[in-house]
Amino acid sequence: MSKLLEEIKHSVDVTIPEAEDLNSMTHPKIDYTLLVLRNVFVLAAAILFLLSFFLHGAYNLLKAVGYFSGAIAYVFECLAATDCFKGKVDHHEMFMVYCFGPLYLLMGLNYILWH
């Protein structure tokens, strides 16, 4: 069991960005916080989607909250990429954020309102 815990700890350590990697940015502490929050919401979305396979009674709620968590993760990604909307990033680099963020929001609303 300790081997599994070590693997989980290693996986979490890999997903958290190194503070030294962000020192070149304008606001390294804010960027670090935004990236950690993004990863937390992505992890929450993944866990909720996996749980929805096993908990059929709460399937719609878990999917809705999972999609909302994904949308929030894309908001944090957008904030990190644009330096809290202070920098301009080309649209072709932000295309996925602009498309999937609102799409996840709409899909979460779909699971709440129509299922």
C-alpha atoms as a PDB file:
ATOM      1  CA  MET A   1       0.000   0.000   0.000  1.00  0.00           C
ATOM      2  CA  SER A   2       2.885   2.370   0.675  1.00  0.00           C
ATOM      3  CA  LYS A   3       4.029   1.928  -2.934  1.00  0.00           C
ATOM      4  CA  LEU A   4       0.632   3.201  -4.126  1.00  0.00           C
ATOM      5  CA  LEU A   5       0.841   6.192  -1.770  1.00  0.00           C
ATOM      6  CA  GLU A   6       4.341   6.967  -3.022  1.00  0.00           C
ATOM      7  CA  GLU A   7       3.097   6.888  -6.625  1.00  0.00           C
ATOM      8  CA  ILE A   8       0.196   9.215  -5.753  1.00  0.00           C
ATOM      9  CA  LYS A   9       2.545  11.607  -3.943  1.00  0.00           C
ATOM     10  CA  HIS A  10       4.917  11.603  -6.923  1.00  0.00           C
ATOM     11  CA  SER A  11       2.026  12.293  -9.325  1.00  0.00           C
ATOM     12  CA  VAL A  12       0.859  15.227  -7.211  1.00  0.00           C
ATOM     13  CA  ASP A  13       4.404  16.608  -6.967  1.00  0.00           C
ATOM     14  CA  VAL A  14       4.775  16.480 -10.744  1.00  0.00           C
ATOM     15  CA  THR A  15       1.528  18.420 -11.346  1.00  0.00           C
ATOM     16  CA  ILE A  16       2.460  21.271  -9.003  1.00  0.00           C
ATOM     17  CA  PRO A  17       4.633  23.787 -10.871  1.00  0.00           C
ATOM     18  CA  GLU A  18       8.035  24.660  -9.521  1.00  0.00           C
ATOM     19  CA  ALA A  19       8.258  28.191  -8.116  1.00  0.00           C
ATOM     20  CA  GLU A  20      11.647  28.621  -9.806  1.00  0.00           C
ATOM     21  CA  ASP A  21      10.058  28.054 -13.225  1.00  0.00           C
ATOM     22  CA  LEU A  22       7.723  31.004 -12.670  1.00  0.00           C
ATOM     23  CA  ASN A  23      10.333  33.542 -11.531  1.00  0.00           C
ATOM     24  CA  SER A  24      10.644  34.953 -15.037  1.00  0.00           C
ATOM     25  CA  MET A  25       6.978  35.982 -15.066  1.00  0.00           C
ATOM     26  CA  THR A  26       5.719  39.412 -13.991  1.00  0.00           C
ATOM     27  CA  HIS A  27       3.906  38.157 -10.879  1.00  0.00           C
ATOM     28  CA  PRO A  28       5.470  34.806  -9.944  1.00  0.00           C
ATOM     29  CA  LYS A  29       3.449  34.259  -6.740  1.00  0.00           C
ATOM     30  CA  ILE A  30       0.125  34.986  -8.403  1.00  0.00           C
ATOM     31  CA  ASP A  31       1.019  32.818 -11.407  1.00  0.00           C
ATOM     32  CA  TYR A  32       2.063  29.972  -9.113  1.00  0.00           C
ATOM     33  CA  THR A  33      -1.218  30.246  -7.201  1.00  0.00           C
ATOM     34  CA  LEU A  34      -3.260  30.323 -10.415  1.00  0.00           C
ATOM     35  CA  LEU A  35      -1.545  27.218 -11.778  1.00  0.00           C
ATOM     36  CA  VAL A  36      -1.975  25.314  -8.513  1.00  0.00           C
ATOM     37  CA  LEU A  37      -5.666  26.276  -8.392  1.00  0.00           C
ATOM     38  CA  ARG A  38      -6.067  25.201 -12.020  1.00  0.00           C
ATOM     39  CA  ASN A  39      -4.561  21.815 -11.226  1.00  0.00           C
ATOM     40  CA  VAL A  40      -6.781  21.415  -8.158  1.00  0.00           C
ATOM     41  CA  PHE A  41      -9.930  22.044 -10.198  1.00  0.00           C
ATOM     42  CA  VAL A  42      -8.745  19.702 -12.969  1.00  0.00           C
ATOM     43  CA  LEU A  43      -8.122  17.001 -10.368  1.00  0.00           C
ATOM     44  CA  ALA A  44     -11.549  17.628  -8.825  1.00  0.00           C
ATOM     45  CA  ALA A  45     -13.189  17.337 -12.246  1.00  0.00           C
ATOM     46  CA  ALA A  46     -11.375  14.078 -12.986  1.00  0.00           C
ATOM     47  CA  ILE A  47     -12.349  12.587  -9.618  1.00  0.00           C
ATOM     48  CA  LEU A  48     -15.975  13.647 -10.038  1.00  0.00           C
ATOM     49  CA  PHE A  49     -16.161  12.135 -13.534  1.00  0.00           C
ATOM     50  CA  LEU A  50     -14.683   8.866 -12.264  1.00  0.00           C
ATOM     51  CA  LEU A  51     -17.089   8.787  -9.320  1.00  0.00           C
ATOM     52  CA  SER A  52     -20.015   9.310 -11.674  1.00  0.00           C
ATOM     53  CA  PHE A  53     -19.295   5.888 -13.208  1.00  0.00           C
ATOM     54  CA  PHE A  54     -19.789   4.174  -9.854  1.00  0.00           C
ATOM     55  CA  LEU A  55     -22.461   6.291  -8.132  1.00  0.00           C
ATOM     56  CA  HIS A  56     -25.409   6.039 -10.484  1.00  0.00           C
ATOM     57  CA  GLY A  57     -27.829   7.810  -8.141  1.00  0.00           C
ATOM     58  CA  ALA A  58     -25.785  11.004  -8.237  1.00  0.00           C
ATOM     59  CA  TYR A  59     -24.652  10.667 -11.845  1.00  0.00           C
ATOM     60  CA  ASN A  60     -26.132  13.956 -13.102  1.00  0.00           C
ATOM     61  CA  LEU A  61     -24.984  15.989 -10.109  1.00  0.00           C
ATOM     62  CA  LEU A  62     -21.441  14.611 -10.240  1.00  0.00           C
ATOM     63  CA  LYS A  63     -21.208  15.286 -13.978  1.00  0.00           C
ATOM     64  CA  ALA A  64     -22.567  18.835 -13.552  1.00  0.00           C
ATOM     65  CA  VAL A  65     -20.144  19.697 -10.755  1.00  0.00           C
ATOM     66  CA  GLY A  66     -17.320  18.052 -12.729  1.00  0.00           C
ATOM     67  CA  TYR A  67     -18.049  20.218 -15.757  1.00  0.00           C
ATOM     68  CA  PHE A  68     -18.263  23.339 -13.576  1.00  0.00           C
ATOM     69  CA  SER A  69     -14.887  22.422 -12.048  1.00  0.00           C
ATOM     70  CA  GLY A  70     -13.458  22.079 -15.551  1.00  0.00           C
ATOM     71  CA  ALA A  71     -14.858  25.484 -16.524  1.00  0.00           C
ATOM     72  CA  ILE A  72     -13.282  27.044 -13.432  1.00  0.00           C
ATOM     73  CA  ALA A  73      -9.966  25.386 -14.325  1.00  0.00           C
ATOM     74  CA  TYR A  74     -10.150  27.029 -17.771  1.00  0.00           C
ATOM     75  CA  VAL A  75     -10.809  30.406 -16.108  1.00  0.00           C
ATOM     76  CA  PHE A  76      -7.637  29.977 -14.046  1.00  0.00           C
ATOM     77  CA  GLU A  77      -5.760  28.893 -17.189  1.00  0.00           C
ATOM     78  CA  CYS A  78      -6.939  32.040 -18.962  1.00  0.00           C
ATOM     79  CA  LEU A  79      -5.886  34.207 -16.010  1.00  0.00           C
ATOM     80  CA  ALA A  80      -2.460  32.560 -15.886  1.00  0.00           C
ATOM     81  CA  ALA A  81      -1.877  32.786 -19.629  1.00  0.00           C
ATOM     82  CA  THR A  82      -2.892  36.449 -19.894  1.00  0.00           C
ATOM     83  CA  ASP A  83      -1.244  37.531 -16.631  1.00  0.00           C
ATOM     84  CA  CYS A  84      -4.655  38.366 -15.126  1.00  0.00           C
ATOM     85  CA  PHE A  85      -5.784  40.021 -18.387  1.00  0.00           C
ATOM     86  CA  LYS A  86      -2.793  42.407 -18.366  1.00  0.00           C
ATOM     87  CA  GLY A  87      -1.074  40.799 -21.317  1.00  0.00           C
ATOM     88  CA  LYS A  88      -2.301  40.082 -24.804  1.00  0.00           C
ATOM     89  CA  VAL A  89      -2.100  36.519 -26.055  1.00  0.00           C
ATOM     90  CA  ASP A  90      -2.797  35.540 -29.661  1.00  0.00           C
ATOM     91  CA  HIS A  91      -6.204  34.007 -30.242  1.00  0.00           C
ATOM     92  CA  HIS A  92      -4.753  30.906 -31.857  1.00  0.00           C
ATOM     93  CA  GLU A  93      -2.919  30.146 -28.590  1.00  0.00           C
ATOM     94  CA  MET A  94      -6.042  30.746 -26.498  1.00  0.00           C
ATOM     95  CA  PHE A  95      -8.466  28.939 -28.816  1.00  0.00           C
ATOM     96  CA  MET A  96      -8.896  25.902 -26.561  1.00  0.00           C
ATOM     97  CA  VAL A  97      -9.471  28.039 -23.465  1.00  0.00           C
ATOM     98  CA  TYR A  98     -12.009  30.213 -25.271  1.00  0.00           C
ATOM     99  CA  CYS A  99     -13.908  27.216 -26.648  1.00  0.00           C
ATOM    100  CA  PHE A 100     -13.802  24.624 -23.894  1.00  0.00           C
ATOM    101  CA  GLY A 101     -14.327  26.939 -20.912  1.00  0.00           C
ATOM    102  CA  PRO A 102     -17.807  28.088 -22.021  1.00  0.00           C
ATOM    103  CA  LEU A 103     -18.554  24.623 -23.414  1.00  0.00           C
ATOM    104  CA  TYR A 104     -17.908  23.024 -20.020  1.00  0.00           C
ATOM    105  CA  LEU A 105     -20.175  25.614 -18.427  1.00  0.00           C
ATOM    106  CA  LEU A 106     -22.944  24.820 -20.914  1.00  0.00           C
ATOM    107  CA  MET A 107     -22.535  21.092 -20.414  1.00  0.00           C
ATOM    108  CA  GLY A 108     -22.770  21.526 -16.633  1.00  0.00           C
ATOM    109  CA  LEU A 109     -25.967  23.516 -17.067  1.00  0.00           C
ATOM    110  CA  ASN A 110     -27.249  20.800 -19.388  1.00  0.00           C
ATOM    111  CA  TYR A 111     -26.823  18.148 -16.685  1.00  0.00           C
ATOM    112  CA  ILE A 112     -28.621  20.332 -14.125  1.00  0.00           C
ATOM    113  CA  LEU A 113     -31.512  21.557 -16.249  1.00  0.00           C
ATOM    114  CA  TRP A 114     -32.336  18.727 -18.677  1.00  0.00           C
ATOM    115  CA  HIS A 115     -31.348  15.463 -17.006  1.00  0.00           C
END
